[in-house]
Amino acid sequence: MSAFTAKEITYYFESYGPKGSECNETLVQEWMNDPNTGIINNPICEDDLDRFKDWCRWKGTAYETGIDDKTKIARLLEETTKLRKEIEVLEEVNKELDEHIDGFF
């Protein structure tokens, strides 16, 4: 357990830039309580901020630490579906741009 409070750590992290929804006391407390990532150096340092940012980056994705395989697969399938839809939209935009360019030549 850390000798620092979530409020103190949030204040420290915010002094390096991340604020608001990127870094708030509730999110820091959740990170501190995570047995896989919430280890705080004494004294607190930039390495802690880097680990916090990594934790935030992967939270809610298939790459989040500590999730079971079923959750990981479900998240990967969801991400794949989203990317396929995005590809369809981009292909349609590309087709429209190609047709627009053909009109000039």
N, C-alpha and C. Protein backbone atom coordinates (compact mmCIF):
# COMPACT_ATOMS: atom_id res chain seq x y z
N MET A 1 0.83 -1.18 0.00
CA MET A 1 0.00 0.00 0.00
C MET A 1 0.88 1.24 0.00
N SER A 2 0.43 2.27 -0.60
CA SER A 2 1.17 3.50 -0.75
C SER A 2 1.10 4.36 0.51
N ALA A 3 2.17 5.10 0.74
CA ALA A 3 2.19 6.07 1.85
C ALA A 3 1.52 7.36 1.42
N PHE A 4 1.16 7.45 0.13
CA PHE A 4 0.53 8.65 -0.41
C PHE A 4 -0.97 8.43 -0.58
N THR A 5 -1.71 9.52 -0.51
CA THR A 5 -3.15 9.44 -0.78
C THR A 5 -3.38 9.63 -2.27
N ALA A 6 -4.55 9.25 -2.71
CA ALA A 6 -4.91 9.43 -4.12
C ALA A 6 -4.89 10.91 -4.47
N LYS A 7 -5.28 11.74 -3.54
CA LYS A 7 -5.29 13.19 -3.78
C LYS A 7 -3.87 13.71 -4.02
N GLU A 8 -2.92 13.26 -3.20
CA GLU A 8 -1.53 13.68 -3.35
C GLU A 8 -0.94 13.21 -4.67
N ILE A 9 -1.24 11.97 -5.03
CA ILE A 9 -0.71 11.42 -6.28
C ILE A 9 -1.34 12.13 -7.47
N THR A 10 -2.63 12.41 -7.40
CA THR A 10 -3.30 13.13 -8.47
C THR A 10 -2.67 14.51 -8.66
N TYR A 11 -2.42 15.18 -7.57
CA TYR A 11 -1.78 16.50 -7.61
C TYR A 11 -0.41 16.40 -8.28
N TYR A 12 0.36 15.40 -7.92
CA TYR A 12 1.69 15.19 -8.51
C TYR A 12 1.57 14.92 -10.01
N PHE A 13 0.68 14.01 -10.40
CA PHE A 13 0.50 13.68 -11.81
C PHE A 13 0.07 14.90 -12.60
N GLU A 14 -0.87 15.67 -12.05
CA GLU A 14 -1.37 16.85 -12.75
C GLU A 14 -0.28 17.90 -12.94
N SER A 15 0.72 17.91 -12.07
CA SER A 15 1.81 18.87 -12.22
C SER A 15 2.65 18.55 -13.46
N TYR A 16 2.51 17.34 -13.98
CA TYR A 16 3.22 16.94 -15.20
C TYR A 16 2.34 17.04 -16.44
N GLY A 17 1.13 17.47 -16.31
CA GLY A 17 0.32 17.71 -17.49
C GLY A 17 -1.06 17.12 -17.54
N PRO A 18 -1.23 15.79 -17.34
CA PRO A 18 -2.58 15.23 -17.52
C PRO A 18 -3.57 15.78 -16.48
N LYS A 19 -4.73 16.22 -16.95
CA LYS A 19 -5.73 16.80 -16.06
C LYS A 19 -7.12 16.33 -16.46
N GLY A 20 -8.08 16.64 -15.62
CA GLY A 20 -9.48 16.37 -15.95
C GLY A 20 -9.79 14.91 -16.09
N SER A 21 -10.39 14.55 -17.23
CA SER A 21 -10.80 13.15 -17.44
C SER A 21 -9.60 12.22 -17.61
N GLU A 22 -8.43 12.78 -17.98
CA GLU A 22 -7.23 11.96 -18.12
C GLU A 22 -6.65 11.57 -16.76
N CYS A 23 -6.86 12.45 -15.78
CA CYS A 23 -6.27 12.22 -14.47
C CYS A 23 -7.13 12.88 -13.41
N ASN A 24 -7.86 12.07 -12.68
CA ASN A 24 -8.64 12.60 -11.57
C ASN A 24 -8.47 11.66 -10.37
N GLU A 25 -8.89 12.13 -9.23
CA GLU A 25 -8.65 11.38 -7.99
C GLU A 25 -9.30 9.99 -8.01
N THR A 26 -10.49 9.88 -8.59
CA THR A 26 -11.19 8.59 -8.67
C THR A 26 -10.40 7.60 -9.52
N LEU A 27 -9.91 8.06 -10.67
CA LEU A 27 -9.13 7.21 -11.56
C LEU A 27 -7.81 6.79 -10.92
N VAL A 28 -7.16 7.73 -10.24
CA VAL A 28 -5.90 7.42 -9.56
C VAL A 28 -6.14 6.40 -8.45
N GLN A 29 -7.24 6.55 -7.71
CA GLN A 29 -7.55 5.60 -6.64
C GLN A 29 -7.79 4.21 -7.21
N GLU A 30 -8.49 4.13 -8.34
CA GLU A 30 -8.73 2.84 -8.99
C GLU A 30 -7.40 2.20 -9.41
N TRP A 31 -6.50 3.02 -9.96
CA TRP A 31 -5.19 2.53 -10.36
C TRP A 31 -4.40 2.04 -9.15
N MET A 32 -4.46 2.79 -8.06
CA MET A 32 -3.75 2.41 -6.84
C MET A 32 -4.26 1.08 -6.28
N ASN A 33 -5.55 0.81 -6.44
CA ASN A 33 -6.16 -0.41 -5.90
C ASN A 33 -5.94 -1.62 -6.80
N ASP A 34 -5.47 -1.40 -8.03
CA ASP A 34 -5.23 -2.51 -8.95
C ASP A 34 -3.98 -3.26 -8.51
N PRO A 35 -4.12 -4.54 -8.15
CA PRO A 35 -2.97 -5.29 -7.64
C PRO A 35 -1.88 -5.50 -8.68
N ASN A 36 -2.22 -5.38 -9.95
CA ASN A 36 -1.23 -5.57 -11.02
C ASN A 36 -0.40 -4.33 -11.30
N THR A 37 -0.91 -3.15 -10.99
CA THR A 37 -0.23 -1.93 -11.43
C THR A 37 -0.10 -0.84 -10.37
N GLY A 38 -0.81 -0.93 -9.30
CA GLY A 38 -0.89 0.18 -8.36
C GLY A 38 0.24 0.31 -7.37
N ILE A 39 1.44 -0.12 -7.72
CA ILE A 39 2.58 -0.01 -6.81
C ILE A 39 3.20 1.37 -6.99
N ILE A 40 3.31 2.12 -5.92
CA ILE A 40 3.83 3.48 -5.96
C ILE A 40 5.25 3.49 -5.39
N ASN A 41 6.16 4.14 -6.10
CA ASN A 41 7.52 4.30 -5.61
C ASN A 41 7.53 5.28 -4.45
N ASN A 42 8.53 5.17 -3.60
CA ASN A 42 8.66 6.11 -2.50
C ASN A 42 10.06 6.70 -2.57
N PRO A 43 10.27 7.93 -2.92
CA PRO A 43 9.23 8.92 -3.23
C PRO A 43 8.61 8.67 -4.61
N ILE A 44 7.44 9.23 -4.79
CA ILE A 44 6.73 9.10 -6.06
C ILE A 44 7.58 9.76 -7.15
N CYS A 45 7.55 9.19 -8.36
CA CYS A 45 8.40 9.71 -9.43
C CYS A 45 7.70 9.60 -10.77
N GLU A 46 8.39 10.03 -11.82
CA GLU A 46 7.82 10.02 -13.16
C GLU A 46 7.51 8.60 -13.65
N ASP A 47 8.23 7.60 -13.16
CA ASP A 47 7.93 6.22 -13.52
C ASP A 47 6.51 5.84 -13.13
N ASP A 48 6.07 6.35 -11.97
CA ASP A 48 4.70 6.10 -11.53
C ASP A 48 3.71 6.72 -12.51
N LEU A 49 4.00 7.94 -12.96
CA LEU A 49 3.13 8.60 -13.93
C LEU A 49 3.09 7.81 -15.23
N ASP A 50 4.23 7.31 -15.68
CA ASP A 50 4.27 6.51 -16.91
C ASP A 50 3.44 5.25 -16.77
N ARG A 51 3.54 4.57 -15.62
CA ARG A 51 2.76 3.36 -15.40
C ARG A 51 1.27 3.68 -15.33
N PHE A 52 0.93 4.82 -14.73
CA PHE A 52 -0.47 5.25 -14.67
C PHE A 52 -1.01 5.51 -16.08
N LYS A 53 -0.24 6.21 -16.90
CA LYS A 53 -0.67 6.49 -18.27
C LYS A 53 -0.86 5.20 -19.07
N ASP A 54 0.06 4.25 -18.90
CA ASP A 54 -0.08 2.95 -19.58
C ASP A 54 -1.34 2.23 -19.12
N TRP A 55 -1.57 2.24 -17.82
CA TRP A 55 -2.76 1.60 -17.26
C TRP A 55 -4.02 2.22 -17.86
N CYS A 56 -4.06 3.55 -17.95
CA CYS A 56 -5.21 4.24 -18.53
C CYS A 56 -5.38 3.90 -20.00
N ARG A 57 -4.27 3.82 -20.72
CA ARG A 57 -4.30 3.54 -22.16
C ARG A 57 -4.94 2.19 -22.44
N TRP A 58 -4.64 1.19 -21.62
CA TRP A 58 -5.11 -0.17 -21.88
C TRP A 58 -6.40 -0.52 -21.16
N LYS A 59 -6.83 0.30 -20.22
CA LYS A 59 -8.06 0.05 -19.45
C LYS A 59 -9.25 -0.01 -20.41
N GLY A 60 -10.03 -1.07 -20.31
CA GLY A 60 -11.22 -1.22 -21.15
C GLY A 60 -10.96 -1.84 -22.50
N THR A 61 -9.69 -2.19 -22.77
CA THR A 61 -9.35 -2.82 -24.04
C THR A 61 -9.05 -4.30 -23.81
N ALA A 62 -8.78 -4.99 -24.88
CA ALA A 62 -8.43 -6.42 -24.78
C ALA A 62 -7.05 -6.61 -24.15
N TYR A 63 -6.31 -5.54 -24.03
CA TYR A 63 -4.94 -5.62 -23.52
C TYR A 63 -4.83 -5.20 -22.06
N GLU A 64 -5.95 -5.00 -21.41
CA GLU A 64 -5.97 -4.63 -19.99
C GLU A 64 -5.42 -5.80 -19.16
N THR A 65 -4.57 -5.47 -18.21
CA THR A 65 -4.00 -6.53 -17.37
C THR A 65 -5.07 -7.09 -16.43
N GLY A 66 -4.98 -8.39 -16.21
CA GLY A 66 -5.85 -9.03 -15.23
C GLY A 66 -7.22 -9.47 -15.71
N ILE A 67 -7.52 -9.30 -17.01
CA ILE A 67 -8.84 -9.74 -17.49
C ILE A 67 -8.76 -11.19 -17.94
N ASP A 68 -9.90 -11.87 -17.90
CA ASP A 68 -9.91 -13.28 -18.31
C ASP A 68 -9.98 -13.39 -19.83
N ASP A 69 -9.72 -14.59 -20.32
CA ASP A 69 -9.67 -14.83 -21.77
C ASP A 69 -11.00 -14.55 -22.46
N LYS A 70 -12.11 -14.88 -21.79
CA LYS A 70 -13.43 -14.65 -22.37
C LYS A 70 -13.67 -13.16 -22.62
N THR A 71 -13.32 -12.34 -21.66
CA THR A 71 -13.46 -10.89 -21.79
C THR A 71 -12.54 -10.37 -22.87
N LYS A 72 -11.31 -10.87 -22.90
CA LYS A 72 -10.34 -10.45 -23.90
C LYS A 72 -10.85 -10.75 -25.30
N ILE A 73 -11.38 -11.95 -25.52
CA ILE A 73 -11.90 -12.34 -26.84
C ILE A 73 -13.10 -11.48 -27.21
N ALA A 74 -14.00 -11.24 -26.27
CA ALA A 74 -15.17 -10.40 -26.54
C ALA A 74 -14.75 -9.00 -26.96
N ARG A 75 -13.76 -8.45 -26.28
CA ARG A 75 -13.29 -7.10 -26.62
C ARG A 75 -12.61 -7.08 -27.98
N LEU A 76 -11.85 -8.13 -28.30
CA LEU A 76 -11.20 -8.20 -29.61
C LEU A 76 -12.23 -8.31 -30.73
N LEU A 77 -13.28 -9.11 -30.51
CA LEU A 77 -14.35 -9.24 -31.52
C LEU A 77 -15.06 -7.91 -31.72
N GLU A 78 -15.31 -7.20 -30.63
CA GLU A 78 -15.96 -5.89 -30.72
C GLU A 78 -15.08 -4.90 -31.50
N GLU A 79 -13.80 -4.92 -31.20
CA GLU A 79 -12.86 -4.03 -31.90
C GLU A 79 -12.78 -4.38 -33.39
N THR A 80 -12.78 -5.67 -33.71
CA THR A 80 -12.73 -6.11 -35.10
C THR A 80 -13.97 -5.65 -35.86
N THR A 81 -15.13 -5.80 -35.25
CA THR A 81 -16.38 -5.35 -35.88
C THR A 81 -16.35 -3.85 -36.14
N LYS A 82 -15.88 -3.10 -35.16
CA LYS A 82 -15.80 -1.64 -35.30
C LYS A 82 -14.84 -1.27 -36.43
N LEU A 83 -13.71 -1.94 -36.51
CA LEU A 83 -12.73 -1.65 -37.56
C LEU A 83 -13.25 -2.02 -38.95
N ARG A 84 -14.00 -3.12 -39.04
CA ARG A 84 -14.59 -3.50 -40.34
C ARG A 84 -15.57 -2.44 -40.82
N LYS A 85 -16.38 -1.91 -39.91
CA LYS A 85 -17.33 -0.85 -40.28
C LYS A 85 -16.58 0.41 -40.72
N GLU A 86 -15.50 0.71 -40.03
CA GLU A 86 -14.69 1.87 -40.38
C GLU A 86 -14.07 1.70 -41.77
N ILE A 87 -13.62 0.50 -42.07
CA ILE A 87 -13.05 0.20 -43.39
C ILE A 87 -14.10 0.40 -44.48
N GLU A 88 -15.33 -0.06 -44.23
CA GLU A 88 -16.41 0.11 -45.21
C GLU A 88 -16.64 1.58 -45.50
N VAL A 89 -16.68 2.40 -44.46
CA VAL A 89 -16.90 3.84 -44.64
C VAL A 89 -15.74 4.44 -45.44
N LEU A 90 -14.52 4.07 -45.10
CA LEU A 90 -13.35 4.62 -45.79
C LEU A 90 -13.30 4.17 -47.25
N GLU A 91 -13.70 2.95 -47.53
CA GLU A 91 -13.75 2.47 -48.91
C GLU A 91 -14.77 3.27 -49.72
N GLU A 92 -15.90 3.59 -49.09
CA GLU A 92 -16.93 4.37 -49.78
C GLU A 92 -16.42 5.80 -50.06
N VAL A 93 -15.77 6.39 -49.09
CA VAL A 93 -15.20 7.73 -49.28
C VAL A 93 -14.14 7.68 -50.38
N ASN A 94 -13.32 6.66 -50.37
CA ASN A 94 -12.29 6.51 -51.40
C ASN A 94 -12.92 6.39 -52.79
N LYS A 95 -13.99 5.62 -52.88
CA LYS A 95 -14.69 5.44 -54.15
C LYS A 95 -15.23 6.78 -54.65
N GLU A 96 -15.84 7.55 -53.75
CA GLU A 96 -16.38 8.87 -54.12
C GLU A 96 -15.27 9.81 -54.58
N LEU A 97 -14.14 9.77 -53.89
CA LEU A 97 -13.01 10.63 -54.28
C LEU A 97 -12.45 10.23 -55.63
N ASP A 98 -12.37 8.92 -55.88
CA ASP A 98 -11.91 8.45 -57.19
C ASP A 98 -12.83 8.93 -58.30
N GLU A 99 -14.14 8.86 -58.08
CA GLU A 99 -15.12 9.32 -59.07
C GLU A 99 -15.00 10.82 -59.27
N HIS A 100 -14.74 11.54 -58.21
CA HIS A 100 -14.60 12.99 -58.29
C HIS A 100 -13.34 13.36 -59.08
N ILE A 101 -12.26 12.63 -58.85
CA ILE A 101 -11.00 12.89 -59.57
C ILE A 101 -11.15 12.55 -61.04
N ASP A 102 -11.86 11.47 -61.36
CA ASP A 102 -12.06 11.08 -62.76
C ASP A 102 -12.77 12.17 -63.54
N GLY A 103 -13.57 12.98 -62.87
CA GLY A 103 -14.28 14.07 -63.53
C GLY A 103 -13.36 15.19 -63.97
N PHE A 104 -12.20 15.28 -63.38
CA PHE A 104 -11.25 16.34 -63.73
C PHE A 104 -10.35 15.96 -64.90
N PHE A 105 -10.21 14.69 -65.19
CA PHE A 105 -9.26 14.26 -66.23
C PHE A 105 -9.97 13.68 -67.40
